[in-house]
């Protein structure tokens, strides 16, 4: 008896524009979904469960990793780094945004940067304005002379 073959997904037919605008489309669909009271409640409850697990709203990278039940070795494997690299990363106080985003994404989160002015909080959009794509990581840019 032969095993049935699982068909490969087809990615053809998508333009560069489709891929470039995918984040915006996902955000729009998420907003639409959260208009449903049941979905909004489930989303809120999930956020509470995560907050309970972390038991904090402010944490160092090592506290965050440990709260999520990950070892440095496990996180290193997820990021294709060595365990020592994770140790140094967790002790560093000045990180490139790209590095921090990778760490957060590997632990199941999403990095959001905001500026606070009095009672007003503004989420910063760090995409390249001309293309709408994420900015090159800071570590690839030259320091001004």
N, C-alpha and C. Protein backbone atom coordinates (compact mmCIF):
# COMPACT_ATOMS: atom_id res chain seq x y z
N UNK A 1 0.85 -1.18 0.00
CA UNK A 1 0.00 0.00 0.00
C UNK A 1 0.89 1.24 0.00
N UNK A 2 0.64 2.14 -0.92
CA UNK A 2 1.44 3.35 -1.00
C UNK A 2 0.79 4.45 -0.17
N UNK A 3 1.66 5.27 0.40
CA UNK A 3 1.17 6.39 1.20
C UNK A 3 0.66 7.48 0.28
N UNK A 4 -0.43 8.14 0.68
CA UNK A 4 -0.91 9.25 -0.16
C UNK A 4 0.09 10.40 -0.10
N UNK A 5 0.26 11.06 -1.19
CA UNK A 5 1.18 12.17 -1.28
C UNK A 5 0.47 13.46 -0.88
N UNK A 6 1.12 14.20 0.01
CA UNK A 6 0.55 15.48 0.42
C UNK A 6 0.97 16.51 -0.61
N UNK A 7 0.01 17.21 -1.19
CA UNK A 7 0.36 18.17 -2.23
C UNK A 7 1.15 19.34 -1.66
N UNK A 8 2.11 19.81 -2.43
CA UNK A 8 2.89 20.99 -2.05
C UNK A 8 2.02 22.22 -2.24
N UNK A 9 2.13 23.18 -1.30
CA UNK A 9 1.36 24.42 -1.49
C UNK A 9 1.86 25.18 -2.70
N UNK A 10 0.93 25.83 -3.35
CA UNK A 10 1.29 26.63 -4.51
C UNK A 10 1.38 28.09 -4.10
N UNK A 11 2.51 28.70 -4.41
CA UNK A 11 2.71 30.10 -4.07
C UNK A 11 2.66 30.99 -5.30
N UNK A 12 2.46 30.40 -6.45
CA UNK A 12 2.43 31.17 -7.68
C UNK A 12 1.24 32.12 -7.72
N UNK A 13 1.33 33.12 -8.57
CA UNK A 13 0.23 34.03 -8.74
C UNK A 13 0.25 35.22 -7.80
N UNK A 14 1.23 35.28 -6.91
CA UNK A 14 1.33 36.41 -5.99
C UNK A 14 2.38 37.38 -6.49
N UNK A 15 2.08 38.64 -6.41
CA UNK A 15 3.03 39.66 -6.86
C UNK A 15 3.87 40.13 -5.68
N UNK A 16 4.92 40.88 -5.98
CA UNK A 16 5.73 41.48 -4.93
C UNK A 16 4.88 42.38 -4.05
N UNK A 17 3.91 43.05 -4.66
CA UNK A 17 3.00 43.93 -3.91
C UNK A 17 2.19 43.13 -2.89
N UNK A 18 1.77 41.90 -3.27
CA UNK A 18 1.02 41.06 -2.34
C UNK A 18 1.83 40.79 -1.09
N UNK A 19 3.11 40.47 -1.26
CA UNK A 19 3.97 40.19 -0.12
C UNK A 19 4.28 41.47 0.66
N UNK A 20 4.48 42.58 -0.03
CA UNK A 20 4.82 43.84 0.62
C UNK A 20 3.67 44.36 1.48
N UNK A 21 2.43 44.05 1.11
CA UNK A 21 1.27 44.57 1.84
C UNK A 21 0.66 43.53 2.78
N UNK A 22 1.30 42.38 2.93
CA UNK A 22 0.70 41.31 3.74
C UNK A 22 0.51 41.72 5.19
N UNK A 23 1.44 42.45 5.78
CA UNK A 23 1.31 42.85 7.18
C UNK A 23 0.09 43.73 7.37
N UNK A 24 -0.11 44.68 6.47
CA UNK A 24 -1.27 45.56 6.58
C UNK A 24 -2.57 44.78 6.44
N UNK A 25 -2.59 43.81 5.53
CA UNK A 25 -3.79 43.00 5.34
C UNK A 25 -4.09 42.17 6.59
N UNK A 26 -3.04 41.61 7.19
CA UNK A 26 -3.23 40.82 8.41
C UNK A 26 -3.76 41.71 9.53
N UNK A 27 -3.20 42.91 9.67
CA UNK A 27 -3.68 43.85 10.71
C UNK A 27 -5.15 44.20 10.48
N UNK A 28 -5.53 44.44 9.23
CA UNK A 28 -6.91 44.78 8.92
C UNK A 28 -7.84 43.62 9.25
N UNK A 29 -7.44 42.40 8.90
CA UNK A 29 -8.26 41.23 9.20
C UNK A 29 -8.38 41.00 10.70
N UNK A 30 -7.28 41.23 11.42
CA UNK A 30 -7.29 41.09 12.88
C UNK A 30 -8.26 42.10 13.49
N UNK A 31 -8.21 43.34 13.04
CA UNK A 31 -9.11 44.37 13.54
C UNK A 31 -10.57 43.98 13.28
N UNK A 32 -10.83 43.48 12.10
CA UNK A 32 -12.19 43.05 11.74
C UNK A 32 -12.64 41.90 12.62
N UNK A 33 -11.75 40.92 12.84
CA UNK A 33 -12.07 39.77 13.67
C UNK A 33 -12.38 40.19 15.11
N UNK A 34 -11.61 41.15 15.63
CA UNK A 34 -11.79 41.57 17.03
C UNK A 34 -13.04 42.41 17.24
N UNK A 35 -13.76 42.74 16.16
CA UNK A 35 -15.07 43.39 16.31
C UNK A 35 -16.10 42.41 16.85
N UNK A 36 -15.85 41.12 16.65
CA UNK A 36 -16.71 40.07 17.17
C UNK A 36 -16.48 39.98 18.68
N UNK A 37 -17.52 40.15 19.50
CA UNK A 37 -17.33 40.14 20.96
C UNK A 37 -16.70 38.86 21.50
N UNK A 38 -17.06 37.71 20.92
CA UNK A 38 -16.48 36.45 21.38
C UNK A 38 -14.98 36.40 21.07
N UNK A 39 -14.59 36.84 19.89
CA UNK A 39 -13.17 36.85 19.52
C UNK A 39 -12.40 37.84 20.38
N UNK A 40 -13.00 39.01 20.62
CA UNK A 40 -12.35 40.02 21.45
C UNK A 40 -12.15 39.50 22.88
N UNK A 41 -13.15 38.81 23.41
CA UNK A 41 -13.03 38.25 24.76
C UNK A 41 -11.96 37.17 24.81
N UNK A 42 -11.91 36.31 23.80
CA UNK A 42 -10.88 35.27 23.75
C UNK A 42 -9.49 35.89 23.67
N UNK A 43 -9.37 36.95 22.88
CA UNK A 43 -8.09 37.65 22.75
C UNK A 43 -7.67 38.27 24.08
N UNK A 44 -8.62 38.91 24.77
CA UNK A 44 -8.35 39.51 26.07
C UNK A 44 -7.94 38.45 27.09
N UNK A 45 -8.67 37.32 27.10
CA UNK A 45 -8.36 36.24 28.04
C UNK A 45 -6.97 35.66 27.79
N UNK A 46 -6.61 35.53 26.53
CA UNK A 46 -5.28 35.03 26.20
C UNK A 46 -4.21 35.97 26.73
N UNK A 47 -4.41 37.27 26.56
CA UNK A 47 -3.47 38.26 27.08
C UNK A 47 -3.33 38.14 28.59
N UNK A 48 -4.44 37.91 29.30
CA UNK A 48 -4.39 37.74 30.75
C UNK A 48 -3.63 36.48 31.14
N UNK A 49 -3.84 35.40 30.37
CA UNK A 49 -3.12 34.15 30.66
C UNK A 49 -1.62 34.34 30.50
N UNK A 50 -1.22 35.05 29.45
CA UNK A 50 0.20 35.31 29.23
C UNK A 50 0.75 36.17 30.35
N UNK A 51 0.00 37.21 30.76
CA UNK A 51 0.45 38.09 31.84
C UNK A 51 0.59 37.31 33.15
N UNK A 52 -0.34 36.40 33.42
CA UNK A 52 -0.25 35.58 34.62
C UNK A 52 0.98 34.69 34.58
N UNK A 53 1.25 34.13 33.42
CA UNK A 53 2.42 33.26 33.29
C UNK A 53 3.70 34.06 33.50
N UNK A 54 3.74 35.24 32.96
CA UNK A 54 4.93 36.07 33.13
C UNK A 54 4.97 36.72 34.51
N UNK A 55 3.79 36.94 35.09
CA UNK A 55 3.65 37.57 36.40
C UNK A 55 4.36 38.91 36.49
N UNK A 56 4.46 39.58 35.37
CA UNK A 56 5.12 40.88 35.36
C UNK A 56 4.79 41.62 34.08
N UNK A 57 4.93 42.92 34.12
CA UNK A 57 4.79 43.70 32.90
C UNK A 57 6.11 44.35 32.54
N UNK A 58 7.13 44.13 33.36
CA UNK A 58 8.46 44.65 33.10
C UNK A 58 9.44 43.53 33.43
N UNK A 59 10.30 43.18 32.49
CA UNK A 59 11.20 42.06 32.71
C UNK A 59 12.49 42.23 31.92
N UNK A 60 13.55 41.64 32.42
CA UNK A 60 14.78 41.57 31.64
C UNK A 60 14.61 40.44 30.63
N UNK A 61 15.51 40.36 29.66
CA UNK A 61 15.41 39.28 28.67
C UNK A 61 15.55 37.91 29.32
N UNK A 62 16.44 37.77 30.29
CA UNK A 62 16.60 36.47 30.94
C UNK A 62 15.35 36.11 31.77
N UNK A 63 14.73 37.10 32.43
CA UNK A 63 13.50 36.84 33.18
C UNK A 63 12.39 36.42 32.22
N UNK A 64 12.30 37.07 31.09
CA UNK A 64 11.30 36.73 30.09
C UNK A 64 11.50 35.31 29.59
N UNK A 65 12.73 34.97 29.23
CA UNK A 65 13.04 33.62 28.74
C UNK A 65 12.69 32.57 29.78
N UNK A 66 13.08 32.80 31.03
CA UNK A 66 12.79 31.82 32.09
C UNK A 66 11.29 31.70 32.37
N UNK A 67 10.57 32.84 32.34
CA UNK A 67 9.12 32.80 32.57
C UNK A 67 8.40 31.98 31.51
N UNK A 68 8.97 31.95 30.31
CA UNK A 68 8.39 31.18 29.22
C UNK A 68 8.86 29.73 29.22
N UNK A 69 9.70 29.38 30.20
CA UNK A 69 10.15 27.99 30.33
C UNK A 69 11.20 27.58 29.33
N UNK A 70 11.96 28.53 28.81
CA UNK A 70 13.00 28.23 27.84
C UNK A 70 14.38 28.30 28.48
N UNK A 71 15.26 27.40 28.08
CA UNK A 71 16.66 27.49 28.49
C UNK A 71 17.42 28.33 27.47
N UNK A 72 18.61 28.77 27.86
CA UNK A 72 19.43 29.51 26.91
C UNK A 72 19.76 28.63 25.71
N UNK A 73 20.00 27.34 25.95
CA UNK A 73 20.33 26.43 24.85
C UNK A 73 19.16 26.28 23.88
N UNK A 74 17.94 26.19 24.40
CA UNK A 74 16.77 26.06 23.53
C UNK A 74 16.59 27.33 22.68
N UNK A 75 16.72 28.49 23.31
CA UNK A 75 16.57 29.74 22.58
C UNK A 75 17.69 29.90 21.56
N UNK A 76 18.89 29.50 21.93
CA UNK A 76 20.03 29.59 21.01
C UNK A 76 19.76 28.76 19.76
N UNK A 77 19.21 27.56 19.95
CA UNK A 77 18.89 26.71 18.81
C UNK A 77 17.85 27.36 17.91
N UNK A 78 16.84 27.99 18.51
CA UNK A 78 15.79 28.65 17.74
C UNK A 78 16.33 29.81 16.93
N UNK A 79 17.36 30.49 17.46
CA UNK A 79 17.93 31.66 16.79
C UNK A 79 19.19 31.33 15.99
N UNK A 80 19.55 30.05 15.97
CA UNK A 80 20.75 29.61 15.26
C UNK A 80 22.00 30.32 15.80
N UNK A 81 22.09 30.37 17.13
CA UNK A 81 23.22 30.97 17.83
C UNK A 81 23.76 29.96 18.83
N UNK A 82 24.86 30.31 19.46
CA UNK A 82 25.40 29.48 20.54
C UNK A 82 24.79 29.89 21.86
N UNK A 83 24.83 29.00 22.85
CA UNK A 83 24.28 29.31 24.17
C UNK A 83 25.01 30.51 24.78
N UNK A 84 26.31 30.61 24.57
CA UNK A 84 27.08 31.74 25.09
C UNK A 84 26.62 33.06 24.48
N UNK A 85 26.19 33.02 23.21
CA UNK A 85 25.68 34.24 22.57
C UNK A 85 24.41 34.72 23.28
N UNK A 86 23.55 33.78 23.66
CA UNK A 86 22.32 34.15 24.37
C UNK A 86 22.67 34.73 25.74
N UNK A 87 23.63 34.14 26.42
CA UNK A 87 24.05 34.65 27.71
C UNK A 87 24.54 36.09 27.60
N UNK A 88 25.38 36.36 26.61
CA UNK A 88 25.88 37.73 26.41
C UNK A 88 24.75 38.68 26.01
N UNK A 89 23.86 38.21 25.18
CA UNK A 89 22.72 39.04 24.75
C UNK A 89 21.86 39.44 25.94
N UNK A 90 21.61 38.49 26.85
CA UNK A 90 20.78 38.78 28.01
C UNK A 90 21.44 39.76 28.99
N UNK A 91 22.74 39.83 29.00
CA UNK A 91 23.45 40.75 29.91
C UNK A 91 23.68 42.12 29.29
N UNK A 92 23.57 42.21 27.96
CA UNK A 92 23.84 43.46 27.25
C UNK A 92 22.76 44.48 27.54
N UNK A 93 23.13 45.72 27.69
CA UNK A 93 22.16 46.79 27.97
C UNK A 93 21.85 47.61 26.72
N UNK A 94 22.66 47.49 25.70
CA UNK A 94 22.45 48.28 24.48
C UNK A 94 22.36 47.30 23.32
N UNK A 95 21.14 47.07 22.82
CA UNK A 95 20.89 46.08 21.77
C UNK A 95 20.45 46.75 20.48
N UNK A 96 20.78 46.12 19.37
CA UNK A 96 20.22 46.54 18.10
C UNK A 96 18.74 46.13 18.08
N UNK A 97 17.89 46.94 17.49
CA UNK A 97 16.47 46.64 17.45
C UNK A 97 16.20 45.32 16.74
N UNK A 98 16.93 45.04 15.68
CA UNK A 98 16.75 43.80 14.93
C UNK A 98 17.04 42.59 15.82
N UNK A 99 18.09 42.68 16.63
CA UNK A 99 18.45 41.59 17.53
C UNK A 99 17.36 41.39 18.58
N UNK A 100 16.90 42.48 19.15
CA UNK A 100 15.84 42.41 20.15
C UNK A 100 14.56 41.84 19.55
N UNK A 101 14.21 42.26 18.35
CA UNK A 101 13.01 41.75 17.69
C UNK A 101 13.12 40.24 17.46
N UNK A 102 14.28 39.77 17.04
CA UNK A 102 14.48 38.32 16.82
C UNK A 102 14.30 37.55 18.13
N UNK A 103 14.85 38.08 19.23
CA UNK A 103 14.73 37.45 20.54
C UNK A 103 13.25 37.34 20.93
N UNK A 104 12.54 38.46 20.81
CA UNK A 104 11.12 38.49 21.20
C UNK A 104 10.30 37.56 20.33
N UNK A 105 10.53 37.57 19.02
CA UNK A 105 9.79 36.69 18.11
C UNK A 105 10.07 35.22 18.39
N UNK A 106 11.32 34.89 18.74
CA UNK A 106 11.67 33.50 19.04
C UNK A 106 10.97 33.01 20.31
N UNK A 107 10.63 33.93 21.21
CA UNK A 107 9.92 33.55 22.44
C UNK A 107 8.40 33.66 22.28
N UNK A 108 7.94 33.90 21.05
CA UNK A 108 6.51 33.90 20.77
C UNK A 108 5.86 35.27 20.84
N UNK A 109 6.65 36.32 20.97
CA UNK A 109 6.09 37.65 21.07
C UNK A 109 6.30 38.48 19.82
N UNK A 110 5.95 39.74 19.94
CA UNK A 110 6.10 40.70 18.84
C UNK A 110 6.62 41.98 19.48
N UNK A 111 7.70 42.51 18.96
CA UNK A 111 8.29 43.72 19.52
C UNK A 111 7.51 44.94 19.08
N UNK A 112 7.17 45.78 20.04
CA UNK A 112 6.50 47.03 19.76
C UNK A 112 7.26 48.12 20.51
N UNK A 113 7.61 49.18 19.83
CA UNK A 113 8.35 50.28 20.44
C UNK A 113 7.44 51.49 20.48
N UNK A 114 7.40 52.14 21.63
CA UNK A 114 6.54 53.30 21.75
C UNK A 114 7.26 54.42 22.49
N UNK A 115 6.80 55.62 22.25
CA UNK A 115 7.30 56.81 22.93
C UNK A 115 6.15 57.33 23.79
N UNK A 116 6.47 57.73 25.02
CA UNK A 116 5.44 58.21 25.94
C UNK A 116 5.67 59.69 26.20
N UNK A 117 4.63 60.48 25.96
CA UNK A 117 4.64 61.92 26.19
C UNK A 117 3.51 62.23 27.16
N UNK A 118 3.85 62.39 28.44
CA UNK A 118 2.81 62.60 29.44
C UNK A 118 1.89 61.40 29.49
N UNK A 119 0.60 61.62 29.22
CA UNK A 119 -0.38 60.52 29.21
C UNK A 119 -0.58 59.91 27.83
N UNK A 120 0.18 60.40 26.86
CA UNK A 120 0.01 59.93 25.49
C UNK A 120 1.12 58.96 25.12
N UNK A 121 0.73 57.80 24.58
CA UNK A 121 1.69 56.81 24.12
C UNK A 121 1.56 56.68 22.61
N UNK A 122 2.69 56.79 21.90
CA UNK A 122 2.70 56.71 20.45
C UNK A 122 3.54 55.50 20.05
N UNK A 123 2.93 54.56 19.31
CA UNK A 123 3.68 53.41 18.81
C UNK A 123 4.48 53.86 17.60
N UNK A 124 5.77 53.58 17.61
CA UNK A 124 6.64 54.01 16.53
C UNK A 124 6.64 52.99 15.41
N UNK A 125 6.46 53.45 14.20
CA UNK A 125 6.51 52.60 13.01
C UNK A 125 7.91 52.74 12.45
N UNK A 126 8.71 51.69 12.54
CA UNK A 126 10.10 51.76 12.15
C UNK A 126 10.37 51.23 10.74
N UNK A 127 9.31 51.19 9.92
CA UNK A 127 9.51 50.74 8.54
C UNK A 127 10.06 51.87 7.69
N UNK A 128 10.74 51.51 6.63
CA UNK A 128 11.27 52.48 5.68
C UNK A 128 10.07 53.16 5.01
N UNK A 129 9.98 54.48 5.13
CA UNK A 129 8.82 55.22 4.60
C UNK A 129 8.68 55.09 3.09
N UNK A 130 9.78 54.98 2.37
CA UNK A 130 9.69 54.94 0.92
C UNK A 130 9.19 53.60 0.39
N UNK A 131 9.46 52.51 1.13
CA UNK A 131 9.06 51.19 0.64
C UNK A 131 7.99 50.53 1.49
N UNK A 132 7.84 50.97 2.75
CA UNK A 132 6.91 50.31 3.64
C UNK A 132 7.48 49.04 4.24
N UNK A 133 8.75 48.72 3.93
CA UNK A 133 9.39 47.51 4.45
C UNK A 133 10.16 47.86 5.71
N UNK A 134 10.43 46.84 6.50
CA UNK A 134 11.22 47.06 7.71
C UNK A 134 12.56 47.66 7.35
N UNK A 135 13.06 48.49 8.25
CA UNK A 135 14.36 49.14 8.05
C UNK A 135 15.45 48.10 8.20
N UNK A 136 16.55 48.29 7.47
CA UNK A 136 17.70 47.41 7.62
C UNK A 136 18.13 47.41 9.09
N UNK A 137 18.63 46.28 9.61
CA UNK A 137 19.08 46.28 10.99
C UNK A 137 20.17 47.32 11.21
N UNK A 138 20.15 47.92 12.38
CA UNK A 138 21.11 48.99 12.69
C UNK A 138 22.54 48.51 12.61
N UNK A 139 22.78 47.22 12.90
CA UNK A 139 24.16 46.75 12.89
C UNK A 139 24.72 46.65 11.48
N UNK A 140 23.92 46.85 10.45
CA UNK A 140 24.43 46.82 9.09
C UNK A 140 24.72 48.23 8.58
N UNK A 141 24.41 49.22 9.38
CA UNK A 141 24.63 50.61 8.95
C UNK A 141 25.94 51.12 9.51
N UNK A 142 26.57 52.00 8.76
CA UNK A 142 27.80 52.60 9.23
C UNK A 142 27.50 53.70 10.24
N UNK A 143 28.39 53.85 11.21
CA UNK A 143 28.26 54.92 12.18
C UNK A 143 28.67 56.22 11.51
N UNK A 144 27.89 57.28 11.69
CA UNK A 144 28.27 58.57 11.08
C UNK A 144 29.65 58.99 11.57
N UNK A 145 30.46 59.50 10.62
CA UNK A 145 31.84 59.86 10.91
C UNK A 145 31.94 61.14 11.62
